[in-house]
Amino acid sequence: MTKVNLKNLAISLREDGLSYSDIMKKVPVAKSTLSLWLRSVGLSKRQKQILTERKLLAIRKGGAKKKEQRLHKISVINKKTIKDIGMVSGRDLWLAGVMLYWAEGSKQKETNVSVGVKFSNSDAKMIIVFLKWLKECMQLADGDIVFEIFIHELYKGEENRFVSYWMNILKCDKSRLNKIYYKKHNLATNRKYNNGSYHGQLLIRVLRSTELNRRISGWVNGFCQNIAGSSNGRTTDFESVYSRFDS
């Protein structure tokens, strides 16, 4: 096919509303040449709309493919890292609970030295682990523990939905729920309140637990002193764990 014929074919395909990439599949010339040939070829409003729709479709397909690849990679990593944990001993659970409370629990201060144990979070898994810690490691009974829920004031009137969610997570009835609190936040900067993943925040409160809070503080201090001291005898081979991760 002569150069003139190729040019005429390209113009005809463009007038039909094909994109440059589609035309180049049928007209084997450089993009710069194609651009020169087609610069005077106008497209109707409908043709421009079709090209835009095709671009958006290609973007969505590309995004879906990347999401599929990401989810697969996460699945592979999860399977490998779960094996790294192995069996969780009683001491493992005890130390995990101490660290969780250090991060998310209420602390005693110089201005308030009688703070009981209060632990709050919106992560259901974290709540379950800490509750297990209270029962198994601290040997607390159900009667020693009450729950409180914090939700955005936007959801006043929908309390039952949040109560049902957390009571199902905790495997208990509403009698254990002490109170519901409402919070104010700038919704423009907190989009989480407007999607289906928002379940509010649960607070676990242990009755008559000032002394326990002080013990936890002592355990945290002991952990810090141990870490800051000699590492002799510490045999954890982190290198072998990291080597199992794919790049």
Protein backbone atom coordinates (compact mmCIF):
# COMPACT_ATOMS: atom_id res chain seq x y z
CA MET A 1 0.00 0.00 0.00
CA THR A 2 1.39 3.38 -1.04
CA LYS A 3 1.97 6.25 1.38
CA VAL A 4 -0.98 8.13 -0.13
CA ASN A 5 -3.23 5.12 0.38
CA LEU A 6 -2.06 4.79 3.98
CA LYS A 7 -2.79 8.45 4.62
CA ASN A 8 -6.28 8.18 3.09
CA LEU A 9 -6.97 5.07 5.17
CA ALA A 10 -5.84 6.84 8.34
CA ILE A 11 -8.06 9.84 7.60
CA SER A 12 -11.02 7.56 6.91
CA LEU A 13 -10.51 5.66 10.16
CA ARG A 14 -10.17 8.90 12.13
CA GLU A 15 -13.40 10.23 10.61
CA ASP A 16 -15.04 7.02 11.84
CA GLY A 17 -14.02 8.03 15.36
CA LEU A 18 -11.06 5.68 15.95
CA SER A 19 -8.30 6.69 18.34
CA TYR A 20 -4.67 7.12 17.27
CA SER A 21 -3.69 3.84 18.92
CA ASP A 22 -6.46 1.97 17.08
CA ILE A 23 -5.51 3.54 13.77
CA MET A 24 -1.83 2.66 14.21
CA LYS A 25 -2.82 -1.01 14.47
CA LYS A 26 -4.07 -0.81 10.89
CA VAL A 27 -1.79 1.88 9.51
CA PRO A 28 1.87 1.01 10.26
CA VAL A 29 3.40 4.49 10.52
CA ALA A 30 5.02 6.52 13.31
CA LYS A 31 2.74 8.44 15.63
CA SER A 32 4.36 11.70 14.59
CA THR A 33 3.49 10.97 10.96
CA LEU A 34 -0.05 10.03 11.88
CA SER A 35 -0.44 13.23 13.88
CA LEU A 36 0.72 15.27 10.89
CA TRP A 37 -1.75 13.55 8.57
CA LEU A 38 -4.71 13.91 10.93
CA ARG A 39 -4.18 17.38 12.39
CA SER A 40 -6.82 18.86 10.08
CA VAL A 41 -9.34 16.06 10.66
CA GLY A 42 -12.06 17.21 13.04
CA LEU A 43 -14.22 14.97 15.19
CA SER A 44 -17.89 15.37 15.94
CA LYS A 45 -19.07 15.85 19.52
CA ARG A 46 -20.35 12.26 19.55
CA GLN A 47 -17.02 10.89 18.27
CA LYS A 48 -15.14 12.80 20.97
CA GLN A 49 -17.54 11.38 23.55
CA ILE A 50 -16.93 7.83 22.29
CA LEU A 51 -13.15 8.29 22.50
CA THR A 52 -13.48 9.67 26.03
CA GLU A 53 -15.64 6.72 27.05
CA ARG A 54 -13.06 4.30 25.60
CA LYS A 55 -10.25 5.99 27.54
CA LEU A 56 -12.24 5.81 30.77
CA LEU A 57 -13.01 2.15 30.14
CA ALA A 58 -9.31 1.41 29.56
CA ILE A 59 -8.43 3.24 32.78
CA ARG A 60 -11.00 1.23 34.73
CA LYS A 61 -9.75 -2.03 33.27
CA GLY A 62 -6.18 -1.09 34.14
CA GLY A 63 -7.23 -0.19 37.67
CA ALA A 64 -9.10 -3.45 38.09
CA LYS A 65 -6.06 -5.41 36.88
CA LYS A 66 -3.77 -3.61 39.32
CA LYS A 67 -6.24 -4.24 42.14
CA GLU A 68 -6.35 -7.94 41.27
CA GLN A 69 -2.53 -8.10 41.30
CA ARG A 70 -2.37 -6.22 44.61
CA LEU A 71 -4.92 -8.50 46.28
CA HIS A 72 -3.07 -11.58 45.06
CA LYS A 73 0.22 -10.25 46.43
CA ILE A 74 -1.42 -9.46 49.78
CA SER A 75 -2.90 -12.97 49.90
CA VAL A 76 0.52 -14.54 49.29
CA ILE A 77 2.14 -12.37 51.97
CA ASN A 78 -0.63 -13.17 54.46
CA LYS A 79 -0.19 -16.91 54.01
CA LYS A 80 3.56 -16.66 54.59
CA THR A 81 3.40 -14.27 57.55
CA ILE A 82 0.70 -16.26 59.37
CA LYS A 83 3.16 -19.17 59.47
CA ASP A 84 5.75 -16.87 61.06
CA ILE A 85 3.51 -16.43 64.12
CA GLY A 86 2.96 -20.11 64.87
CA MET A 87 1.33 -20.99 68.20
CA VAL A 88 0.70 -18.07 70.57
CA SER A 89 1.72 -18.95 74.12
CA GLY A 90 0.22 -17.54 77.30
CA ARG A 91 3.22 -15.27 77.72
CA ASP A 92 2.90 -14.09 74.12
CA LEU A 93 -0.72 -13.08 74.77
CA TRP A 94 0.18 -11.43 78.08
CA LEU A 95 2.94 -9.31 76.49
CA ALA A 96 0.73 -8.46 73.49
CA GLY A 97 -1.97 -7.18 75.85
CA VAL A 98 0.52 -5.03 77.75
CA MET A 99 1.77 -3.51 74.48
CA LEU A 100 -1.78 -2.90 73.24
CA TYR A 101 -2.65 -1.07 76.44
CA TRP A 102 0.56 0.94 76.26
CA ALA A 103 -0.51 2.12 72.81
CA GLU A 104 -4.26 2.59 73.24
CA GLY A 105 -5.11 2.47 76.95
CA SER A 106 -5.80 5.27 79.44
CA LYS A 107 -2.72 6.22 81.44
CA GLN A 108 -2.39 7.59 84.96
CA LYS A 109 -1.03 11.12 85.24
CA GLU A 110 0.36 13.29 88.00
CA THR A 111 -2.86 15.27 87.97
CA ASN A 112 -5.01 12.12 88.06
CA VAL A 113 -3.40 9.13 89.76
CA SER A 114 -6.58 7.06 90.11
CA VAL A 115 -7.35 6.16 86.51
CA GLY A 116 -8.85 2.73 85.96
CA VAL A 117 -8.27 0.49 82.95
CA LYS A 118 -9.90 1.91 79.82
CA PHE A 119 -9.11 0.66 76.34
CA SER A 120 -10.78 1.99 73.20
CA ASN A 121 -10.44 1.33 69.49
CA SER A 122 -12.46 1.00 66.30
CA ASP A 123 -10.54 -2.11 65.18
CA ALA A 124 -12.69 -5.12 66.07
CA LYS A 125 -9.70 -7.51 65.98
CA MET A 126 -7.81 -5.38 68.47
CA ILE A 127 -10.84 -5.24 70.75
CA ILE A 128 -11.19 -9.03 70.67
CA VAL A 129 -7.50 -9.59 71.50
CA PHE A 130 -7.55 -7.14 74.40
CA LEU A 131 -10.76 -8.63 75.81
CA LYS A 132 -9.20 -12.09 75.62
CA TRP A 133 -6.16 -10.69 77.46
CA LEU A 134 -8.36 -9.35 80.27
CA LYS A 135 -10.17 -12.65 80.71
CA GLU A 136 -7.33 -15.15 80.24
CA CYS A 137 -4.28 -13.28 81.50
CA MET A 138 -5.86 -10.98 84.09
CA GLN A 139 -8.49 -13.56 85.10
CA LEU A 140 -11.32 -11.00 85.06
CA ALA A 141 -14.97 -12.06 85.06
CA ASP A 142 -17.65 -10.63 82.80
CA GLY A 143 -19.05 -8.68 85.73
CA ASP A 144 -15.78 -6.74 86.01
CA ILE A 145 -16.00 -5.43 82.44
CA VAL A 146 -18.44 -2.98 80.85
CA PHE A 147 -18.58 -1.48 77.38
CA GLU A 148 -19.26 1.99 75.99
CA ILE A 149 -19.75 3.04 72.38
CA PHE A 150 -18.68 6.30 70.75
CA ILE A 151 -20.38 7.27 67.47
CA HIS A 152 -20.56 10.43 65.43
CA GLU A 153 -23.56 12.62 66.18
CA LEU A 154 -24.49 12.28 62.50
CA TYR A 155 -25.86 8.83 63.40
CA LYS A 156 -28.19 9.82 66.23
CA GLY A 157 -31.28 7.67 65.85
CA GLU A 158 -29.31 4.77 64.35
CA GLU A 159 -27.81 3.57 67.63
CA ASN A 160 -29.26 0.05 67.29
CA ARG A 161 -27.14 -0.62 64.22
CA PHE A 162 -23.92 0.19 66.08
CA VAL A 163 -24.99 -1.66 69.21
CA SER A 164 -25.84 -4.77 67.19
CA TYR A 165 -22.47 -4.67 65.43
CA TRP A 166 -20.41 -4.47 68.63
CA MET A 167 -22.53 -6.88 70.64
CA ASN A 168 -22.07 -9.42 67.83
CA ILE A 169 -18.29 -8.84 67.90
CA LEU A 170 -18.21 -9.21 71.69
CA LYS A 171 -20.62 -12.17 71.76
CA CYS A 172 -22.65 -10.63 74.57
CA ASP A 173 -26.04 -8.97 75.13
CA LYS A 174 -26.96 -5.31 75.58
CA SER A 175 -26.92 -5.55 79.37
CA ARG A 176 -23.11 -5.20 79.23
CA LEU A 177 -23.38 -1.88 77.39
CA ASN A 178 -22.95 0.95 79.85
CA LYS A 179 -23.49 4.04 77.69
CA ILE A 180 -23.42 5.53 74.18
CA TYR A 181 -21.54 8.79 73.56
CA TYR A 182 -21.76 11.11 70.57
CA LYS A 183 -18.72 12.81 69.03
CA LYS A 184 -18.33 15.86 66.80
CA HIS A 185 -15.88 15.93 63.91
CA ASN A 186 -15.43 17.86 60.69
CA LEU A 187 -17.02 15.52 58.16
CA ALA A 188 -15.29 17.33 55.26
CA THR A 189 -11.96 15.93 56.45
CA ASN A 190 -13.27 12.64 57.84
CA ARG A 191 -14.84 10.74 54.96
CA LYS A 192 -14.85 7.51 56.94
CA TYR A 193 -18.07 8.63 58.60
CA ASN A 194 -19.86 8.54 55.27
CA ASN A 195 -19.04 4.98 54.17
CA GLY A 196 -20.30 1.57 55.20
CA SER A 197 -17.10 0.64 57.06
CA TYR A 198 -17.76 3.04 59.93
CA HIS A 199 -18.89 1.26 63.12
CA GLY A 200 -17.96 3.80 65.72
CA GLN A 201 -15.48 3.15 68.51
CA LEU A 202 -15.79 0.75 71.42
CA LEU A 203 -14.41 1.42 74.88
CA ILE A 204 -13.68 -1.42 77.30
CA ARG A 205 -13.78 -0.27 80.93
CA VAL A 206 -12.72 -2.43 83.83
CA LEU A 207 -14.44 -1.68 87.13
CA ARG A 208 -12.33 -1.02 90.22
CA SER A 209 -9.09 -1.31 88.23
CA THR A 210 -6.78 1.51 89.37
CA GLU A 211 -4.34 -1.02 90.80
CA LEU A 212 -4.34 -3.04 87.56
CA ASN A 213 -3.56 0.11 85.58
CA ARG A 214 -0.54 0.69 87.82
CA ARG A 215 0.63 -2.88 87.30
CA ILE A 216 0.38 -2.46 83.52
CA SER A 217 2.47 0.72 83.79
CA GLY A 218 5.07 -1.27 85.71
CA TRP A 219 5.13 -4.00 83.07
CA VAL A 220 5.65 -1.38 80.36
CA ASN A 221 8.54 0.14 82.31
CA GLY A 222 10.05 -3.31 82.78
CA PHE A 223 9.79 -4.01 79.07
CA CYS A 224 11.51 -0.71 78.22
CA GLN A 225 14.32 -1.33 80.68
CA ASN A 226 14.84 -4.82 79.29
CA ILE A 227 15.00 -3.54 75.70
CA ALA A 228 17.38 -0.75 76.68
CA GLY A 229 19.68 -3.18 78.52
CA SER A 230 21.88 -5.97 77.25
CA SER A 231 20.70 -8.04 74.30
CA ASN A 232 22.66 -11.09 75.48
CA GLY A 233 20.58 -14.22 75.26
CA ARG A 234 18.14 -12.73 72.74
CA THR A 235 18.00 -15.34 70.00
CA THR A 236 15.23 -14.13 67.68
CA ASP A 237 16.55 -14.40 64.13
CA PHE A 238 14.72 -11.59 62.38
CA GLU A 239 16.88 -12.08 59.28
CA SER A 240 15.39 -15.51 58.69
CA VAL A 241 11.87 -14.10 59.00
CA TYR A 242 12.45 -11.24 56.58
CA SER A 243 14.12 -13.53 54.05
CA ARG A 244 10.79 -15.29 53.51
CA PHE A 245 9.18 -12.13 52.14
CA ASP A 246 8.99 -11.63 48.40
CA SER A 247 10.34 -8.36 47.10
